[in-house]
């Protein structure tokens, strides 16, 4: 994903988030945090600020003991993609 343009990369991240939101095996509090992070990306004045806020939210929940392991892997992927996007946006 790292070689894609920022718009496509952001859409990929949002699609990953949406797949977690639609997964009924994911606890409600984790889905809520994902939803909040997704909103944070879209509502911030600066994309970089929104991405940073979303990363912090996702890192907070990534160690939740109730999280299914496949979801944890997806969240790590999302965090990685967001960090990549933030670096591209800085430059």
PDB file of N, CA and C in Angstrom:
ATOM      1  N   UNK A   1       0.795  -1.205   0.000  1.00  0.00           N
ATOM      2  CA  UNK A   1       0.000   0.000   0.000  1.00  0.00           C
ATOM      3  C   UNK A   1       0.839   1.271   0.000  1.00  0.00           C
ATOM      4  N   UNK A   2       2.066   1.192   0.466  1.00  0.00           N
ATOM      5  CA  UNK A   2       2.886   2.384   0.671  1.00  0.00           C
ATOM      6  C   UNK A   2       3.149   3.160  -0.626  1.00  0.00           C
ATOM      7  N   UNK A   3       3.047   2.515  -1.800  1.00  0.00           N
ATOM      8  CA  UNK A   3       3.335   3.201  -3.052  1.00  0.00           C
ATOM      9  C   UNK A   3       2.103   3.882  -3.660  1.00  0.00           C
ATOM     10  N   UNK A   4       0.952   3.755  -3.024  1.00  0.00           N
ATOM     11  CA  UNK A   4      -0.265   4.367  -3.548  1.00  0.00           C
ATOM     12  C   UNK A   4      -0.309   5.850  -3.224  1.00  0.00           C
ATOM     13  N   UNK A   5      -1.177   6.564  -3.936  1.00  0.00           N
ATOM     14  CA  UNK A   5      -1.315   7.974  -3.610  1.00  0.00           C
ATOM     15  C   UNK A   5      -2.093   8.117  -2.300  1.00  0.00           C
ATOM     16  N   UNK A   6      -1.946   9.258  -1.622  1.00  0.00           N
ATOM     17  CA  UNK A   6      -2.565   9.424  -0.298  1.00  0.00           C
ATOM     18  C   UNK A   6      -4.085   9.224  -0.271  1.00  0.00           C
ATOM     19  N   UNK A   7      -4.788   9.634  -1.303  1.00  0.00           N
ATOM     20  CA  UNK A   7      -6.238   9.459  -1.339  1.00  0.00           C
ATOM     21  C   UNK A   7      -6.642   7.995  -1.354  1.00  0.00           C
ATOM     22  N   UNK A   8      -5.949   7.212  -2.160  1.00  0.00           N
ATOM     23  CA  UNK A   8      -6.232   5.775  -2.232  1.00  0.00           C
ATOM     24  C   UNK A   8      -5.850   5.082  -0.928  1.00  0.00           C
ATOM     25  N   UNK A   9      -4.738   5.512  -0.338  1.00  0.00           N
ATOM     26  CA  UNK A   9      -4.283   4.920   0.917  1.00  0.00           C
ATOM     27  C   UNK A   9      -5.282   5.225   2.029  1.00  0.00           C
ATOM     28  N   UNK A  10      -5.808   6.443   2.054  1.00  0.00           N
ATOM     29  CA  UNK A  10      -6.800   6.818   3.060  1.00  0.00           C
ATOM     30  C   UNK A  10      -8.087   6.016   2.872  1.00  0.00           C
ATOM     31  N   UNK A  11      -8.495   5.813   1.628  1.00  0.00           N
ATOM     32  CA  UNK A  11      -9.682   4.993   1.361  1.00  0.00           C
ATOM     33  C   UNK A  11      -9.476   3.554   1.812  1.00  0.00           C
ATOM     34  N   UNK A  12      -8.260   3.033   1.602  1.00  0.00           N
ATOM     35  CA  UNK A  12      -7.933   1.677   2.050  1.00  0.00           C
ATOM     36  C   UNK A  12      -8.064   1.566   3.569  1.00  0.00           C
ATOM     37  N   UNK A  13      -7.535   2.565   4.283  1.00  0.00           N
ATOM     38  CA  UNK A  13      -7.614   2.578   5.740  1.00  0.00           C
ATOM     39  C   UNK A  13      -9.080   2.629   6.187  1.00  0.00           C
ATOM     40  N   UNK A  14      -9.865   3.474   5.553  1.00  0.00           N
ATOM     41  CA  UNK A  14     -11.288   3.580   5.915  1.00  0.00           C
ATOM     42  C   UNK A  14     -12.032   2.276   5.631  1.00  0.00           C
ATOM     43  N   UNK A  15     -11.660   1.593   4.550  1.00  0.00           N
ATOM     44  CA  UNK A  15     -12.269   0.293   4.245  1.00  0.00           C
ATOM     45  C   UNK A  15     -11.920  -0.739   5.320  1.00  0.00           C
ATOM     46  N   UNK A  16     -10.649  -0.741   5.764  1.00  0.00           N
ATOM     47  CA  UNK A  16     -10.252  -1.649   6.844  1.00  0.00           C
ATOM     48  C   UNK A  16     -11.043  -1.357   8.119  1.00  0.00           C
ATOM     49  N   UNK A  17     -11.179  -0.083   8.428  1.00  0.00           N
ATOM     50  CA  UNK A  17     -11.946   0.312   9.622  1.00  0.00           C
ATOM     51  C   UNK A  17     -13.396  -0.150   9.494  1.00  0.00           C
ATOM     52  N   UNK A  18     -13.953   0.026   8.322  1.00  0.00           N
ATOM     53  CA  UNK A  18     -15.343  -0.366   8.090  1.00  0.00           C
ATOM     54  C   UNK A  18     -15.528  -1.872   8.254  1.00  0.00           C
ATOM     55  N   UNK A  19     -14.556  -2.663   7.816  1.00  0.00           N
ATOM     56  CA  UNK A  19     -14.669  -4.118   7.964  1.00  0.00           C
ATOM     57  C   UNK A  19     -14.673  -4.520   9.438  1.00  0.00           C
ATOM     58  N   UNK A  20     -13.916  -3.797  10.269  1.00  0.00           N
ATOM     59  CA  UNK A  20     -13.934  -4.073  11.714  1.00  0.00           C
ATOM     60  C   UNK A  20     -15.285  -3.670  12.298  1.00  0.00           C
ATOM     61  N   UNK A  21     -15.808  -2.530  11.862  1.00  0.00           N
ATOM     62  CA  UNK A  21     -17.098  -2.050  12.378  1.00  0.00           C
ATOM     63  C   UNK A  21     -18.234  -3.019  12.055  1.00  0.00           C
ATOM     64  N   UNK A  22     -18.118  -3.725  10.943  1.00  0.00           N
ATOM     65  CA  UNK A  22     -19.163  -4.662  10.518  1.00  0.00           C
ATOM     66  C   UNK A  22     -18.990  -6.056  11.112  1.00  0.00           C
ATOM     67  N   UNK A  23     -17.881  -6.291  11.805  1.00  0.00           N
ATOM     68  CA  UNK A  23     -17.583  -7.605  12.374  1.00  0.00           C
ATOM     69  C   UNK A  23     -18.243  -7.738  13.751  1.00  0.00           C
ATOM     70  N   UNK A  24     -19.247  -8.585  13.834  1.00  0.00           N
ATOM     71  CA  UNK A  24     -19.999  -8.729  15.097  1.00  0.00           C
ATOM     72  C   UNK A  24     -19.202  -9.459  16.183  1.00  0.00           C
ATOM     73  N   UNK A  25     -18.064 -10.068  15.820  1.00  0.00           N
ATOM     74  CA  UNK A  25     -17.248 -10.740  16.838  1.00  0.00           C
ATOM     75  C   UNK A  25     -16.353  -9.750  17.597  1.00  0.00           C
ATOM     76  N   UNK A  26     -16.310  -8.516  17.127  1.00  0.00           N
ATOM     77  CA  UNK A  26     -15.500  -7.479  17.775  1.00  0.00           C
ATOM     78  C   UNK A  26     -16.343  -6.819  18.863  1.00  0.00           C
ATOM     79  N   UNK A  27     -15.802  -6.728  20.085  1.00  0.00           N
ATOM     80  CA  UNK A  27     -16.557  -6.099  21.175  1.00  0.00           C
ATOM     81  C   UNK A  27     -16.976  -4.663  20.843  1.00  0.00           C
ATOM     82  N   UNK A  28     -18.099  -4.266  21.402  1.00  0.00           N
ATOM     83  CA  UNK A  28     -18.687  -2.961  21.121  1.00  0.00           C
ATOM     84  C   UNK A  28     -17.747  -1.805  21.436  1.00  0.00           C
ATOM     85  N   UNK A  29     -17.007  -1.881  22.556  1.00  0.00           N
ATOM     86  CA  UNK A  29     -16.125  -0.768  22.915  1.00  0.00           C
ATOM     87  C   UNK A  29     -15.008  -0.580  21.882  1.00  0.00           C
ATOM     88  N   UNK A  30     -14.563  -1.667  21.286  1.00  0.00           N
ATOM     89  CA  UNK A  30     -13.522  -1.582  20.268  1.00  0.00           C
ATOM     90  C   UNK A  30     -14.095  -1.003  18.978  1.00  0.00           C
ATOM     91  N   UNK A  31     -15.291  -1.441  18.604  1.00  0.00           N
ATOM     92  CA  UNK A  31     -15.940  -0.872  17.414  1.00  0.00           C
ATOM     93  C   UNK A  31     -16.180   0.624  17.602  1.00  0.00           C
ATOM     94  N   UNK A  32     -16.551   1.018  18.813  1.00  0.00           N
ATOM     95  CA  UNK A  32     -16.780   2.446  19.110  1.00  0.00           C
ATOM     96  C   UNK A  32     -15.479   3.231  18.948  1.00  0.00           C
ATOM     97  N   UNK A  33     -14.363   2.704  19.430  1.00  0.00           N
ATOM     98  CA  UNK A  33     -13.073   3.383  19.298  1.00  0.00           C
ATOM     99  C   UNK A  33     -12.659   3.502  17.823  1.00  0.00           C
ATOM    100  N   UNK A  34     -12.931   2.459  17.050  1.00  0.00           N
ATOM    101  CA  UNK A  34     -12.630   2.486  15.615  1.00  0.00           C
ATOM    102  C   UNK A  34     -13.477   3.565  14.936  1.00  0.00           C
ATOM    103  N   UNK A  35     -14.751   3.598  15.290  1.00  0.00           N
ATOM    104  CA  UNK A  35     -15.663   4.611  14.735  1.00  0.00           C
ATOM    105  C   UNK A  35     -15.172   6.017  15.083  1.00  0.00           C
ATOM    106  N   UNK A  36     -14.783   6.227  16.334  1.00  0.00           N
ATOM    107  CA  UNK A  36     -14.285   7.537  16.768  1.00  0.00           C
ATOM    108  C   UNK A  36     -13.012   7.922  16.013  1.00  0.00           C
ATOM    109  N   UNK A  37     -12.123   6.958  15.814  1.00  0.00           N
ATOM    110  CA  UNK A  37     -10.881   7.223  15.081  1.00  0.00           C
ATOM    111  C   UNK A  37     -11.182   7.588  13.627  1.00  0.00           C
ATOM    112  N   UNK A  38     -12.131   6.901  13.032  1.00  0.00           N
ATOM    113  CA  UNK A  38     -12.519   7.175  11.647  1.00  0.00           C
ATOM    114  C   UNK A  38     -13.092   8.589  11.522  1.00  0.00           C
ATOM    115  N   UNK A  39     -13.908   8.972  12.476  1.00  0.00           N
ATOM    116  CA  UNK A  39     -14.484  10.317  12.494  1.00  0.00           C
ATOM    117  C   UNK A  39     -13.388  11.359  12.695  1.00  0.00           C
ATOM    118  N   UNK A  40     -12.456  11.068  13.585  1.00  0.00           N
ATOM    119  CA  UNK A  40     -11.356  11.986  13.895  1.00  0.00           C
ATOM    120  C   UNK A  40     -10.558  12.327  12.640  1.00  0.00           C
ATOM    121  N   UNK A  41     -10.327  11.354  11.799  1.00  0.00           N
ATOM    122  CA  UNK A  41      -9.568  11.589  10.563  1.00  0.00           C
ATOM    123  C   UNK A  41     -10.305  12.582   9.666  1.00  0.00           C
ATOM    124  N   UNK A  42     -11.608  12.433   9.586  1.00  0.00           N
ATOM    125  CA  UNK A  42     -12.389  13.279   8.685  1.00  0.00           C
ATOM    126  C   UNK A  42     -12.753  14.647   9.230  1.00  0.00           C
ATOM    127  N   UNK A  43     -12.752  14.816  10.542  1.00  0.00           N
ATOM    128  CA  UNK A  43     -13.238  16.067  11.110  1.00  0.00           C
ATOM    129  C   UNK A  43     -12.162  17.069  11.488  1.00  0.00           C
ATOM    130  N   UNK A  44     -10.936  16.671  11.559  1.00  0.00           N
ATOM    131  CA  UNK A  44      -9.876  17.582  11.991  1.00  0.00           C
ATOM    132  C   UNK A  44      -9.568  18.601  10.907  1.00  0.00           C
ATOM    133  N   UNK A  45      -9.157  19.790  11.350  1.00  0.00           N
ATOM    134  CA  UNK A  45      -8.800  20.851  10.406  1.00  0.00           C
ATOM    135  C   UNK A  45      -7.636  20.419   9.525  1.00  0.00           C
ATOM    136  N   UNK A  46      -6.677  19.740  10.128  1.00  0.00           N
ATOM    137  CA  UNK A  46      -5.500  19.274   9.397  1.00  0.00           C
ATOM    138  C   UNK A  46      -5.543  17.748   9.327  1.00  0.00           C
ATOM    139  N   UNK A  47      -5.279  17.205   8.153  1.00  0.00           N
ATOM    140  CA  UNK A  47      -5.269  15.749   8.001  1.00  0.00           C
ATOM    141  C   UNK A  47      -4.230  15.127   8.930  1.00  0.00           C
ATOM    142  N   UNK A  48      -3.084  15.768   9.037  1.00  0.00           N
ATOM    143  CA  UNK A  48      -2.011  15.253   9.887  1.00  0.00           C
ATOM    144  C   UNK A  48      -2.446  15.181  11.351  1.00  0.00           C
ATOM    145  N   UNK A  49      -3.162  16.202  11.814  1.00  0.00           N
ATOM    146  CA  UNK A  49      -3.653  16.218  13.199  1.00  0.00           C
ATOM    147  C   UNK A  49      -4.689  15.120  13.403  1.00  0.00           C
ATOM    148  N   UNK A  50      -5.591  14.957  12.451  1.00  0.00           N
ATOM    149  CA  UNK A  50      -6.607  13.917  12.534  1.00  0.00           C
ATOM    150  C   UNK A  50      -6.009  12.529  12.548  1.00  0.00           C
ATOM    151  N   UNK A  51      -5.013  12.312  11.706  1.00  0.00           N
ATOM    152  CA  UNK A  51      -4.347  11.012  11.643  1.00  0.00           C
ATOM    153  C   UNK A  51      -3.629  10.720  12.955  1.00  0.00           C
ATOM    154  N   UNK A  52      -2.937  11.730  13.501  1.00  0.00           N
ATOM    155  CA  UNK A  52      -2.232  11.544  14.769  1.00  0.00           C
ATOM    156  C   UNK A  52      -3.207  11.181  15.878  1.00  0.00           C
ATOM    157  N   UNK A  53      -4.337  11.877  15.949  1.00  0.00           N
ATOM    158  CA  UNK A  53      -5.357  11.565  16.955  1.00  0.00           C
ATOM    159  C   UNK A  53      -5.904  10.162  16.796  1.00  0.00           C
ATOM    160  N   UNK A  54      -6.142   9.763  15.556  1.00  0.00           N
ATOM    161  CA  UNK A  54      -6.658   8.420  15.286  1.00  0.00           C
ATOM    162  C   UNK A  54      -5.640   7.357  15.688  1.00  0.00           C
ATOM    163  N   UNK A  55      -4.361   7.613  15.416  1.00  0.00           N
ATOM    164  CA  UNK A  55      -3.311   6.658  15.792  1.00  0.00           C
ATOM    165  C   UNK A  55      -3.304   6.461  17.304  1.00  0.00           C
ATOM    166  N   UNK A  56      -3.374   7.555  18.060  1.00  0.00           N
ATOM    167  CA  UNK A  56      -3.394   7.447  19.521  1.00  0.00           C
ATOM    168  C   UNK A  56      -4.596   6.645  20.003  1.00  0.00           C
ATOM    169  N   UNK A  57      -5.763   6.886  19.408  1.00  0.00           N
ATOM    170  CA  UNK A  57      -6.966   6.141  19.794  1.00  0.00           C
ATOM    171  C   UNK A  57      -6.796   4.648  19.529  1.00  0.00           C
ATOM    172  N   UNK A  58      -6.250   4.330  18.365  1.00  0.00           N
ATOM    173  CA  UNK A  58      -6.086   2.923  17.985  1.00  0.00           C
ATOM    174  C   UNK A  58      -5.018   2.237  18.834  1.00  0.00           C
ATOM    175  N   UNK A  59      -3.950   2.956  19.152  1.00  0.00           N
ATOM    176  CA  UNK A  59      -2.918   2.370  20.010  1.00  0.00           C
ATOM    177  C   UNK A  59      -3.472   2.074  21.400  1.00  0.00           C
ATOM    178  N   UNK A  60      -4.357   2.945  21.879  1.00  0.00           N
ATOM    179  CA  UNK A  60      -4.970   2.728  23.198  1.00  0.00           C
ATOM    180  C   UNK A  60      -5.755   1.428  23.258  1.00  0.00           C
ATOM    181  N   UNK A  61      -6.469   1.118  22.194  1.00  0.00           N
ATOM    182  CA  UNK A  61      -7.303  -0.094  22.225  1.00  0.00           C
ATOM    183  C   UNK A  61      -6.572  -1.338  21.738  1.00  0.00           C
ATOM    184  N   UNK A  62      -5.399  -1.180  21.137  1.00  0.00           N
ATOM    185  CA  UNK A  62      -4.731  -2.334  20.520  1.00  0.00           C
ATOM    186  C   UNK A  62      -4.317  -3.410  21.526  1.00  0.00           C
ATOM    187  N   UNK A  63      -4.275  -3.060  22.805  1.00  0.00           N
ATOM    188  CA  UNK A  63      -3.899  -4.046  23.826  1.00  0.00           C
ATOM    189  C   UNK A  63      -5.083  -4.567  24.635  1.00  0.00           C
ATOM    190  N   UNK A  64      -6.278  -4.282  24.187  1.00  0.00           N
ATOM    191  CA  UNK A  64      -7.477  -4.760  24.875  1.00  0.00           C
ATOM    192  C   UNK A  64      -7.497  -6.288  24.874  1.00  0.00           C
ATOM    193  N   UNK A  65      -7.627  -6.882  26.057  1.00  0.00           N
ATOM    194  CA  UNK A  65      -7.568  -8.343  26.159  1.00  0.00           C
ATOM    195  C   UNK A  65      -8.775  -9.036  25.523  1.00  0.00           C
ATOM    196  N   UNK A  66      -9.857  -8.305  25.324  1.00  0.00           N
ATOM    197  CA  UNK A  66     -11.063  -8.903  24.738  1.00  0.00           C
ATOM    198  C   UNK A  66     -11.071  -8.864  23.213  1.00  0.00           C
ATOM    199  N   UNK A  67     -10.029  -8.303  22.629  1.00  0.00           N
ATOM    200  CA  UNK A  67     -10.006  -8.150  21.182  1.00  0.00           C
ATOM    201  C   UNK A  67      -9.616  -9.467  20.494  1.00  0.00           C
ATOM    202  N   UNK A  68     -10.373  -9.856  19.471  1.00  0.00           N
ATOM    203  CA  UNK A  68      -9.982 -11.042  18.690  1.00  0.00           C
ATOM    204  C   UNK A  68      -8.617 -10.789  18.028  1.00  0.00           C
ATOM    205  N   UNK A  69      -7.813 -11.822  17.917  1.00  0.00           N
ATOM    206  CA  UNK A  69      -6.451 -11.651  17.387  1.00  0.00           C
ATOM    207  C   UNK A  69      -6.442 -11.127  15.950  1.00  0.00           C
ATOM    208  N   UNK A  70      -7.406 -11.555  15.131  1.00  0.00           N
ATOM    209  CA  UNK A  70      -7.438 -11.062  13.745  1.00  0.00           C
ATOM    210  C   UNK A  70      -7.723  -9.563  13.701  1.00  0.00           C
ATOM    211  N   UNK A  71      -8.501  -9.080  14.663  1.00  0.00           N
ATOM    212  CA  UNK A  71      -8.802  -7.650  14.723  1.00  0.00           C
ATOM    213  C   UNK A  71      -7.571  -6.866  15.157  1.00  0.00           C
ATOM    214  N   UNK A  72      -6.815  -7.406  16.100  1.00  0.00           N
ATOM    215  CA  UNK A  72      -5.581  -6.747  16.551  1.00  0.00           C
ATOM    216  C   UNK A  72      -4.625  -6.576  15.365  1.00  0.00           C
ATOM    217  N   UNK A  73      -4.512  -7.608  14.547  1.00  0.00           N
ATOM    218  CA  UNK A  73      -3.648  -7.536  13.362  1.00  0.00           C
ATOM    219  C   UNK A  73      -4.146  -6.463  12.401  1.00  0.00           C
ATOM    220  N   UNK A  74      -5.459  -6.387  12.207  1.00  0.00           N
ATOM    221  CA  UNK A  74      -6.030  -5.360  11.328  1.00  0.00           C
ATOM    222  C   UNK A  74      -5.756  -3.958  11.882  1.00  0.00           C
ATOM    223  N   UNK A  75      -5.859  -3.803  13.190  1.00  0.00           N
ATOM    224  CA  UNK A  75      -5.607  -2.498  13.806  1.00  0.00           C
ATOM    225  C   UNK A  75      -4.143  -2.110  13.638  1.00  0.00           C
ATOM    226  N   UNK A  76      -3.238  -3.059  13.800  1.00  0.00           N
ATOM    227  CA  UNK A  76      -1.816  -2.759  13.578  1.00  0.00           C
ATOM    228  C   UNK A  76      -1.568  -2.341  12.135  1.00  0.00           C
ATOM    229  N   UNK A  77      -2.255  -2.982  11.201  1.00  0.00           N
ATOM    230  CA  UNK A  77      -2.137  -2.617   9.792  1.00  0.00           C
ATOM    231  C   UNK A  77      -2.645  -1.194   9.576  1.00  0.00           C
ATOM    232  N   UNK A  78      -3.776  -0.871  10.183  1.00  0.00           N
ATOM    233  CA  UNK A  78      -4.345   0.479  10.063  1.00  0.00           C
ATOM    234  C   UNK A  78      -3.368   1.512  10.631  1.00  0.00           C
ATOM    235  N   UNK A  79      -2.819   1.228  11.806  1.00  0.00           N
ATOM    236  CA  UNK A  79      -1.868   2.154  12.430  1.00  0.00           C
ATOM    237  C   UNK A  79      -0.662   2.364  11.511  1.00  0.00           C
ATOM    238  N   UNK A  80      -0.148   1.287  10.956  1.00  0.00           N
ATOM    239  CA  UNK A  80       1.004   1.379  10.056  1.00  0.00           C
ATOM    240  C   UNK A  80       0.688   2.240   8.831  1.00  0.00           C
ATOM    241  N   UNK A  81      -0.472   2.008   8.244  1.00  0.00           N
ATOM    242  CA  UNK A  81      -0.880   2.788   7.072  1.00  0.00           C
ATOM    243  C   UNK A  81      -1.061   4.265   7.432  1.00  0.00           C
ATOM    244  N   UNK A  82      -1.661   4.533   8.596  1.00  0.00           N
ATOM    245  CA  UNK A  82      -1.860   5.920   9.022  1.00  0.00           C
ATOM    246  C   UNK A  82      -0.522   6.618   9.283  1.00  0.00           C
ATOM    247  N   UNK A  83       0.422   5.896   9.871  1.00  0.00           N
ATOM    248  CA  UNK A  83       1.747   6.482  10.109  1.00  0.00           C
ATOM    249  C   UNK A  83       2.428   6.813   8.784  1.00  0.00           C
ATOM    250  N   UNK A  84       2.302   5.927   7.820  1.00  0.00           N
ATOM    251  CA  UNK A  84       2.857   6.158   6.494  1.00  0.00           C
ATOM    252  C   UNK A  84       2.208   7.382   5.848  1.00  0.00           C
ATOM    253  N   UNK A  85       0.897   7.455   5.943  1.00  0.00           N
ATOM    254  CA  UNK A  85       0.155   8.595   5.389  1.00  0.00           C
ATOM    255  C   UNK A  85       0.578   9.902   6.040  1.00  0.00           C
ATOM    256  N   UNK A  86       0.738   9.881   7.354  1.00  0.00           N
ATOM    257  CA  UNK A  86       1.122  11.088   8.089  1.00  0.00           C
ATOM    258  C   UNK A  86       2.503  11.566   7.632  1.00  0.00           C
ATOM    259  N   UNK A  87       3.416  10.631   7.424  1.00  0.00           N
ATOM    260  CA  UNK A  87       4.758  11.011   6.946  1.00  0.00           C
ATOM    261  C   UNK A  87       4.700  11.610   5.542  1.00  0.00           C
ATOM    262  N   UNK A  88       3.875  11.037   4.673  1.00  0.00           N
ATOM    263  CA  UNK A  88       3.728  11.570   3.323  1.00  0.00           C
ATOM    264  C   UNK A  88       3.122  12.972   3.374  1.00  0.00           C
ATOM    265  N   UNK A  89       2.179  13.172   4.267  1.00  0.00           N
ATOM    266  CA  UNK A  89       1.486  14.454   4.364  1.00  0.00           C
ATOM    267  C   UNK A  89       2.397  15.534   4.915  1.00  0.00           C
ATOM    268  N   UNK A  90       3.345  15.155   5.776  1.00  0.00           N
ATOM    269  CA  UNK A  90       4.300  16.115   6.334  1.00  0.00           C
ATOM    270  C   UNK A  90       5.224  16.654   5.242  1.00  0.00           C
ATOM    271  N   UNK A  91       5.639  15.731   4.368  1.00  0.00           N
ATOM    272  CA  UNK A  91       6.643  16.065   3.365  1.00  0.00           C
ATOM    273  C   UNK A  91       6.139  16.787   2.212  1.00  0.00           C
TER     274      UNK A  91
END
